[in-house]
Amino acid sequence: MSSQSFRFSPEHPTAQNITLLNTSSSRYEGDWPSIPHSHAFTELFYVRDGQGDFLIEDQIFPISKDDLVIINPHINHTEISKGSPPLSYFTVGVDGLCFSFNGHKEYRIFNCREKKTDLLFYFNSLFQELDRQSEGYETICSHMLDILILQLRRITDSPFELITAQHPSKECAHIKRYLDSNYGENITLDHLSELSHLNKYYLSHEFTKYYGISPINYLNRKRIEVCKELLENTDYGISDIAHLTGFSSQSYLSQSFRKSCGMTAGTYRKLKKKRKDPI
């Protein structure tokens, strides 16, 4: 595999407090094993040419020219080249930025041709500066990253979450993803402790330090968010919603919902329905 890499110090943050950590330009030549790996930062992976598969956790996605893959921190991934021409791609490691996609996924794949967005121009410009390394190139690259991030906002249709310089540990990131996907299950702090292989008090402390909320309170907040979606968009009864979202009973859902939203679940549904109904 032919590859050219650059690493940056955190002395050149962007205007959005996002730091360009490292970049690489690579071409698959069959001499490099595709081993799943993860990073403590967000990675942007842009396919310049070729085709292959991109493995994310336990899923496989076909990728080809002009595809952009965005992978949040602590997500296992790797690429596999298939056919000719081989995969040729840019990677950009970005610190201080995390994407919050619809469906609570930690990754997203876009085809920039379909989006009619020439992101390749910005990647090429970035790497031209890196190749030449003229005076002030790191500052220019940081500003170019700002522009690239703004372009990403246009095509993702997803909110951004700017994370602090203190990164969540791999264990806490895993627990957060687990809660986002399994909120309907019967989950206790002891169960989360077993999953993370951490003492439950240490887990709660670390999770709160990184996310500003305890894991159980985060779980309850997540359940309330899903309750709102179901109340607005379905005709499920309150007891059914309680069961689907992991609340032990309808009364516990009602108590939690009133505490969080200042009204009953039934009142919330009526208000939302009234706003949707035409006059």
Protein backbone atom coordinates (compact mmCIF):
# COMPACT_ATOMS: atom_id res chain seq x y z
CA MET A 1 0.00 0.00 0.00
CA SER A 2 1.37 3.39 -0.95
CA SER A 3 0.58 5.94 1.71
CA GLN A 4 1.54 9.46 2.71
CA SER A 5 0.70 10.67 6.20
CA PHE A 6 0.90 13.95 8.11
CA ARG A 7 0.38 14.62 11.81
CA PHE A 8 -0.39 17.93 13.49
CA SER A 9 0.12 19.38 16.93
CA PRO A 10 -2.94 20.82 18.75
CA GLU A 11 -1.44 24.32 18.30
CA HIS A 12 -3.51 24.95 15.17
CA PRO A 13 -7.18 24.60 16.15
CA THR A 14 -9.84 25.83 13.77
CA ALA A 15 -12.19 28.72 14.43
CA GLN A 16 -14.67 26.12 15.70
CA ASN A 17 -12.15 24.67 18.20
CA ILE A 18 -11.79 21.62 15.97
CA THR A 19 -8.25 20.32 15.54
CA LEU A 20 -6.82 18.62 12.48
CA LEU A 21 -4.86 15.74 14.01
CA ASN A 22 -3.62 13.69 11.07
CA THR A 23 -4.19 13.01 7.40
CA SER A 24 -3.21 10.30 4.96
CA SER A 25 -3.40 9.68 1.23
CA SER A 26 -3.39 5.96 0.43
CA ARG A 27 -3.69 3.54 -2.46
CA TYR A 28 -4.37 -0.14 -1.82
CA GLU A 29 -1.80 -2.43 -3.43
CA GLY A 30 -2.61 -5.77 -1.77
CA ASP A 31 0.29 -5.64 0.68
CA TRP A 32 -1.61 -4.31 3.68
CA PRO A 33 -3.91 -6.39 5.93
CA SER A 34 -7.38 -4.96 6.52
CA ILE A 35 -7.61 -5.11 10.30
CA PRO A 36 -10.59 -3.55 12.13
CA HIS A 37 -9.45 -0.66 14.30
CA SER A 38 -10.83 2.43 16.02
CA HIS A 39 -9.62 5.92 16.93
CA ALA A 40 -10.20 8.36 19.76
CA PHE A 41 -11.14 10.96 17.14
CA THR A 42 -13.60 11.33 14.25
CA GLU A 43 -12.36 10.13 10.87
CA LEU A 44 -13.39 11.38 7.42
CA PHE A 45 -12.70 8.76 4.73
CA TYR A 46 -13.05 9.93 1.11
CA VAL A 47 -12.79 7.48 -1.82
CA ARG A 48 -10.87 9.05 -4.70
CA ASP A 49 -11.01 6.01 -6.96
CA GLY A 50 -11.75 2.28 -7.05
CA GLN A 51 -14.30 0.26 -5.15
CA GLY A 52 -14.52 -2.13 -2.26
CA ASP A 53 -16.22 -2.72 1.09
CA PHE A 54 -16.18 -0.69 4.27
CA LEU A 55 -16.61 -2.69 7.48
CA ILE A 56 -18.18 -0.84 10.41
CA GLU A 57 -18.66 -2.86 13.59
CA ASP A 58 -20.53 -5.96 12.35
CA GLN A 59 -21.86 -4.48 9.10
CA ILE A 60 -20.44 -4.34 5.56
CA PHE A 61 -21.13 -1.48 3.13
CA PRO A 62 -20.06 -1.25 -0.54
CA ILE A 63 -18.04 1.89 -1.31
CA SER A 64 -16.85 3.43 -4.58
CA LYS A 65 -15.51 6.63 -6.07
CA ASP A 66 -16.76 9.87 -4.46
CA ASP A 67 -18.15 8.12 -1.37
CA LEU A 68 -17.52 9.86 1.95
CA VAL A 69 -17.57 7.82 5.15
CA ILE A 70 -17.80 9.61 8.52
CA ILE A 71 -16.88 7.49 11.56
CA ASN A 72 -17.27 8.76 15.11
CA PRO A 73 -14.67 7.96 17.81
CA HIS A 74 -14.30 4.40 19.18
CA ILE A 75 -16.11 2.71 16.26
CA ASN A 76 -14.34 -0.34 14.82
CA HIS A 77 -13.88 -0.10 11.06
CA THR A 78 -11.66 -1.01 8.14
CA GLU A 79 -11.67 -0.95 4.34
CA ILE A 80 -11.21 -3.72 1.77
CA SER A 81 -10.32 -3.04 -1.87
CA LYS A 82 -12.05 -5.08 -4.59
CA GLY A 83 -11.31 -5.27 -8.29
CA SER A 84 -9.50 -2.78 -10.46
CA PRO A 85 -8.66 0.01 -10.08
CA PRO A 86 -7.79 -0.51 -6.38
CA LEU A 87 -9.14 1.72 -3.63
CA SER A 88 -7.47 5.09 -3.46
CA TYR A 89 -8.55 7.37 -0.64
CA PHE A 90 -7.94 10.28 1.72
CA THR A 91 -8.38 10.07 5.49
CA VAL A 92 -8.61 13.05 7.81
CA GLY A 93 -8.55 12.70 11.61
CA VAL A 94 -10.45 15.46 13.42
CA ASP A 95 -10.42 16.13 17.16
CA GLY A 96 -13.17 18.00 19.01
CA LEU A 97 -15.98 17.03 16.64
CA CYS A 98 -18.60 14.33 16.91
CA PHE A 99 -21.58 13.78 14.61
CA SER A 100 -25.05 13.02 15.91
CA PHE A 101 -26.86 11.34 13.04
CA ASN A 102 -30.54 10.50 12.67
CA GLY A 103 -31.25 7.00 13.97
CA HIS A 104 -28.54 7.38 16.63
CA LYS A 105 -25.89 5.86 14.39
CA GLU A 106 -22.22 6.56 14.93
CA TYR A 107 -21.36 6.63 11.23
CA ARG A 108 -22.74 7.75 7.87
CA ILE A 109 -21.90 7.11 4.21
CA PHE A 110 -22.65 9.70 1.53
CA ASN A 111 -22.18 9.67 -2.21
CA CYS A 112 -21.00 13.16 -3.06
CA ARG A 113 -21.99 12.87 -6.72
CA GLU A 114 -25.60 12.26 -5.69
CA LYS A 115 -25.38 15.21 -3.30
CA LYS A 116 -23.86 17.31 -6.14
CA THR A 117 -21.10 18.42 -3.78
CA ASP A 118 -17.49 18.58 -4.92
CA LEU A 119 -15.83 17.64 -1.64
CA LEU A 120 -12.92 16.20 -3.60
CA PHE A 121 -11.87 19.76 -4.42
CA TYR A 122 -11.47 20.57 -0.72
CA PHE A 123 -9.63 17.33 0.05
CA ASN A 124 -7.29 17.89 -2.91
CA SER A 125 -6.62 21.48 -1.85
CA LEU A 126 -5.87 20.35 1.69
CA PHE A 127 -3.39 17.74 0.53
CA GLN A 128 -1.73 20.13 -1.93
CA GLU A 129 -0.90 22.39 1.01
CA LEU A 130 0.44 19.40 2.91
CA ASP A 131 2.61 18.32 -0.02
CA ARG A 132 4.15 21.76 -0.49
CA GLN A 133 4.40 22.68 3.20
CA SER A 134 4.98 26.34 2.40
CA GLU A 135 5.13 28.90 5.18
CA GLY A 136 1.93 28.95 7.23
CA TYR A 137 0.57 25.77 5.66
CA GLU A 138 -0.73 24.37 8.96
CA THR A 139 -2.79 27.52 9.57
CA ILE A 140 -4.14 27.37 6.01
CA CYS A 141 -5.04 23.69 6.48
CA SER A 142 -6.93 24.54 9.67
CA HIS A 143 -8.96 27.18 7.85
CA MET A 144 -9.60 24.76 5.01
CA LEU A 145 -10.89 22.26 7.55
CA ASP A 146 -13.38 24.91 8.71
CA ILE A 147 -14.65 25.19 5.14
CA LEU A 148 -14.84 21.41 4.77
CA ILE A 149 -16.87 21.11 8.00
CA LEU A 150 -19.30 23.76 6.75
CA GLN A 151 -19.69 21.83 3.50
CA LEU A 152 -20.42 18.69 5.52
CA ARG A 153 -23.18 20.52 7.36
CA ARG A 154 -24.88 21.08 4.02
CA ILE A 155 -24.93 17.44 2.98
CA THR A 156 -25.46 15.57 6.26
CA ASP A 157 -28.84 17.00 7.33
CA SER A 158 -27.74 15.96 10.82
CA PRO A 159 -26.85 17.95 13.93
CA PHE A 160 -23.28 18.26 15.16
CA GLU A 161 -22.16 17.68 18.71
CA LEU A 162 -18.96 19.52 19.63
CA ILE A 163 -17.26 17.38 22.26
CA THR A 164 -14.86 18.66 24.89
CA ALA A 165 -11.13 18.13 24.78
CA GLN A 166 -11.57 15.42 27.41
CA HIS A 167 -12.63 12.38 25.41
CA PRO A 168 -15.00 9.73 26.71
CA SER A 169 -13.27 6.44 27.37
CA LYS A 170 -13.92 3.51 25.06
CA GLU A 171 -15.98 1.87 27.79
CA CYS A 172 -18.20 4.93 28.31
CA ALA A 173 -18.66 5.39 24.56
CA HIS A 174 -19.69 1.72 24.32
CA ILE A 175 -22.21 2.10 27.15
CA LYS A 176 -23.72 5.21 25.54
CA ARG A 177 -24.18 3.35 22.23
CA TYR A 178 -25.68 0.41 24.10
CA LEU A 179 -28.21 2.66 25.86
CA ASP A 180 -29.12 4.38 22.58
CA SER A 181 -29.92 1.00 20.99
CA ASN A 182 -31.33 -1.02 23.89
CA TYR A 183 -33.39 1.49 25.90
CA GLY A 184 -36.41 -0.85 25.70
CA GLU A 185 -34.66 -3.52 27.74
CA ASN A 186 -34.58 -3.92 31.51
CA ILE A 187 -31.29 -2.15 32.22
CA THR A 188 -29.66 -1.63 35.59
CA LEU A 189 -26.37 -0.08 36.64
CA ASP A 190 -25.17 -3.55 37.64
CA HIS A 191 -25.88 -4.78 34.10
CA LEU A 192 -23.96 -1.84 32.59
CA SER A 193 -21.11 -2.56 34.97
CA GLU A 194 -20.90 -6.13 33.66
CA LEU A 195 -20.95 -4.95 30.05
CA SER A 196 -18.17 -2.42 30.57
CA HIS A 197 -16.12 -4.54 33.00
CA LEU A 198 -15.96 -1.51 35.28
CA ASN A 199 -17.00 -1.06 38.89
CA LYS A 200 -20.52 0.41 38.79
CA TYR A 201 -19.59 3.42 40.94
CA TYR A 202 -16.54 4.16 38.80
CA LEU A 203 -18.61 3.73 35.63
CA SER A 204 -21.26 6.15 36.88
CA HIS A 205 -18.58 8.68 37.86
CA GLU A 206 -16.74 8.45 34.52
CA PHE A 207 -19.92 8.54 32.42
CA THR A 208 -21.14 11.62 34.29
CA LYS A 209 -17.75 13.30 33.88
CA TYR A 210 -17.79 12.85 30.11
CA TYR A 211 -21.49 13.34 29.30
CA GLY A 212 -22.69 15.53 32.17
CA ILE A 213 -25.35 13.02 33.22
CA SER A 214 -25.34 9.63 34.94
CA PRO A 215 -25.92 6.51 32.79
CA ILE A 216 -29.30 5.77 34.38
CA ASN A 217 -30.49 9.37 34.01
CA TYR A 218 -29.26 9.30 30.41
CA LEU A 219 -31.29 6.11 29.89
CA ASN A 220 -34.42 7.74 31.31
CA ARG A 221 -33.90 10.82 29.15
CA LYS A 222 -33.51 8.62 26.09
CA ARG A 223 -36.71 6.76 26.94
CA ILE A 224 -38.60 10.04 27.30
CA GLU A 225 -37.32 11.19 23.88
CA VAL A 226 -38.61 7.99 22.27
CA CYS A 227 -41.91 8.33 24.15
CA LYS A 228 -42.37 11.78 22.62
CA GLU A 229 -41.75 10.41 19.13
CA LEU A 230 -44.27 7.60 19.66
CA LEU A 231 -46.87 9.93 21.16
CA GLU A 232 -46.56 12.29 18.20
CA ASN A 233 -46.37 9.79 15.37
CA THR A 234 -48.30 6.67 16.43
CA ASP A 235 -51.64 5.71 17.94
CA TYR A 236 -50.12 3.37 20.53
CA GLY A 237 -51.69 3.50 23.96
CA ILE A 238 -49.70 4.85 26.91
CA SER A 239 -49.27 1.36 28.39
CA ASP A 240 -47.92 0.05 25.06
CA ILE A 241 -45.48 2.95 24.83
CA ALA A 242 -44.33 2.26 28.38
CA HIS A 243 -43.59 -1.34 27.41
CA LEU A 244 -41.80 -0.38 24.15
CA THR A 245 -39.55 2.16 25.83
CA GLY A 246 -38.51 0.05 28.80
CA PHE A 247 -40.53 1.64 31.58
CA SER A 248 -41.58 -0.95 34.16
CA SER A 249 -45.17 0.32 34.26
CA GLN A 250 -47.50 2.93 32.83
CA SER A 251 -47.54 4.74 36.17
CA TYR A 252 -43.73 4.99 36.19
CA LEU A 253 -43.77 6.38 32.66
CA SER A 254 -46.44 8.91 33.67
CA GLN A 255 -44.41 9.97 36.70
CA SER A 256 -41.17 10.29 34.72
CA PHE A 257 -42.86 12.07 31.80
CA ARG A 258 -44.54 14.65 34.03
CA LYS A 259 -41.27 15.29 35.86
CA SER A 260 -39.35 15.73 32.60
CA CYS A 261 -41.94 17.61 30.50
CA GLY A 262 -44.15 19.33 33.04
CA MET A 263 -47.30 17.66 31.72
CA THR A 264 -48.84 14.21 31.31
CA ALA A 265 -48.14 12.05 28.28
CA GLY A 266 -51.79 12.33 27.27
CA THR A 267 -51.72 16.12 27.40
CA TYR A 268 -48.50 16.15 25.35
CA ARG A 269 -50.14 13.99 22.65
CA LYS A 270 -53.20 16.23 22.48
CA LEU A 271 -51.09 19.38 22.15
CA LYS A 272 -48.99 17.90 19.35
CA LYS A 273 -52.05 16.55 17.55
CA LYS A 274 -53.77 19.93 17.79
CA ARG A 275 -50.77 21.66 16.20
CA LYS A 276 -50.72 19.16 13.33
CA ASP A 277 -54.44 19.31 12.58
CA PRO A 278 -55.38 21.84 9.88
CA ILE A 279 -57.56 24.74 10.96
